[in-house]
Amino acid sequence: MKYIKYLCGFSLAFMTLVSCKKDVLDRPPLTDYTDSKFWRNEDDVRLFVNGYYTQYFNGYNSSFTVDYTPVRGYTFNDDLTGKNVQSNFESSVPTSRGSSTEGAEWMAQYGGPTWNFAWVRRSNILIDRIDTRLKANVTPEAYNHWMAVARFFKGMEYSRLVSVFGAVPYFDKEVSDTDFDELFKDRDNRGVVMDKVYDDFKFALANMRENDGTNTLNRMVAAAFVSRFMLFEGTWQHYHGLDAARAKKYLEFAVDAANIVMNSGRYNFTRDFKSIFTSESLVGHPEVLLYRVYDAALTVTHAIGSYQNGTEVVGVDANLNLLKSFILTDGKVWQNSSVPNADVFTIDNLTKTRDPRFEATFYEKALTTSSTLIYGYKFASRDALTYIGKTYPPAWGSNTNTSDAPVIRYAEVVLNWIEAKAVLAQHLGGAAVTQADLDRSVNAIRNRPLDAVATSKGLTKTAALQIGNLPVDPARDADVPALIWEIRRERRMEFVFEFARLHDIKRWKKLNYMNYDLDKDHYYGPWVNLSVEAPQLLNAAAATARNVVVRKADGTEVVYDGTNAAAMVGFFKATNAQNRNAFTDRSYLAPVGQSQIIQYQERGYTLTQSPGW
């Protein structure tokens, strides 16, 4: 079974099966048939499990679908700014929130699923059938492996639900549609739910096969995801002041899970950064644990590369706050770096002086297709940008992109590992982080080779992070130790346009970063000379609207009036950029819908609303 190229069409709508095997297609899709005869061997279970892959290992999703995708999906965070008023947080309880179907969409503002337990039910069915049907037909090793797979997916779904809603009902078995006490149970305590997830993940990593075929879920892939979810929950428990013992327990598990991957010797940083996101094939890539294959011949394509091809408009783009966070090649921040022109924020200079991931992430010229004039092209090849003003090939135009998508990668594993160790050391009695720890994680990433284009531009690798000589950053939050601040910076540089940023600032209890008035750099892009770099903006309509603005070094703004083109040099302001509406701490968690609460009430039960809603 190879994901996704050889994945047969498969779905389960509460036990109705469809597969690409002729003998299955020829059989009537009856529930009693499925229950009584389907769970015969490993092939049957593997076929069932195939249905999880596109749900949880989305990659670049497919066609123009944006759920759980980089670039187009994860756009609600403090790295990005759009024109006019920024996207607001949810401001009222929705009329309805939830679905009982497996196709329910995610919620972009929360980076996770809606109030939906269909996939929990699916996993409970899988667990039951493995235990009651499959067990007698396979070896103990096979039984344990598939039970590990089932429990991993259940833990993964609950981790995502908890990240959005906090406390949720925990269902430990398939629930009958007449068991109202169970169907309409109220939320369980967040810690209780995550303790169940912890147990499922422990079992999964103890029993899942290290290899179950090419590019499939195995112990390494599971461990990588466990490091993500346990880091999230451990730091949430810590920074939100919930339960120190649980925080310690989950963070220690994050370290242990990451160690499984790191100690395997299977992965390394011996390929350049851009190759991870723009390669037609990720087969054998030493930094990618699991990837999704795209193939035009199989009509499995995506559009993520197109939205970084220089022509397509995403609508929200990198802001000056993000640009200033990039470390310079000497390992210092711009305020005290010895690199020449460290305080010059032109795109050209940023490309030359910052960590080389900057050059691999952002196009080297100002483009008006970006709301801030700096255009992200991390997920498009260098060749793709040569088609600006021309006809794009299918690989980089429309929804016909075929670059493979990394689903989980080694850089995340080592950054999860070092952050968990640092939080344990700083706050929860763990062993101190050593230079060797930094060398295995942050510095290993910084030591990636540069590709030929980056080398030809004179770029150099960034200096190693030194435990005894951490950067002195005037912008560091007073409540964040310097080491943890630098680990957070590394995540921010590494994961631009990916899944991490909103989840990170939520678990760190830093949602205040989304209040752009606290740092008005969020409204601006790089330093530009508009008459040279974007003269098309200096037109009569702009002069009338007075909406083309730059900010000088002293903070004063200059507005284009039709006569002052020469003065339009400074940090470019996104057109009419304004702050989002005020929000409170209730925005850390999503509310459930009014109809869901009413459904409970009509049966004589209570569904507790999310805090603050």
Foldseek 3Di string as FASTA:
>chain_A
DAFPVPQFDWDQWPQFTDTPDPVNVPDDRDNVCRLPPQQQEPVSLVNLCSNCCCVQLVFQNAFADRAQHFLQQQQPFLQKFFAAADDFFDDDFAQFWEDAGPPAGDDSNQNARIHYCNQLLSLQVQLVCLVPPNVVNDDPLSSLQSNLVSLLSNLVNLLRQCQFFNFAQDDNHNDDPPPCCNVLPATDHNLVSVVSSVVSLVSNLVRHAQDDDPQDDTNLVSLLVLLVSLLLVLLLCVLVVNDLVSSLVSLVSSQVSLCVNLVVPQAAQAAAQLCQQAALDCVPPRWFPHWHFFDVVVSGWFASQQCQLQPHASRMDGFQVLLQLFAWQQQAGLVDDPPPPSVAFQLQVSCATGAVLSPLFWPSAFGVSHLQRITTRSNYDPVSNVQVVHDGDLCHHRGNNGHMGRSGTSLSSLLSNVLSQCCCVVPPVHDDDAPVSQCSHVVSNLPRDHDPVSVVSVHDGHDGAHPVCAYDDPPDDPVDDRVSVVSVSSCSSSARSHSPRVSVCLSNVNSVSLFCVVPVSSQWHTWDLCVPRPVVCLDPVQLVVQFWWFAAPVGDIDTRNNPPSRPSTHTTGRGNYDHHDDDDPLSSHHWRHPVSQVVQVVVPHGYDTRPPD
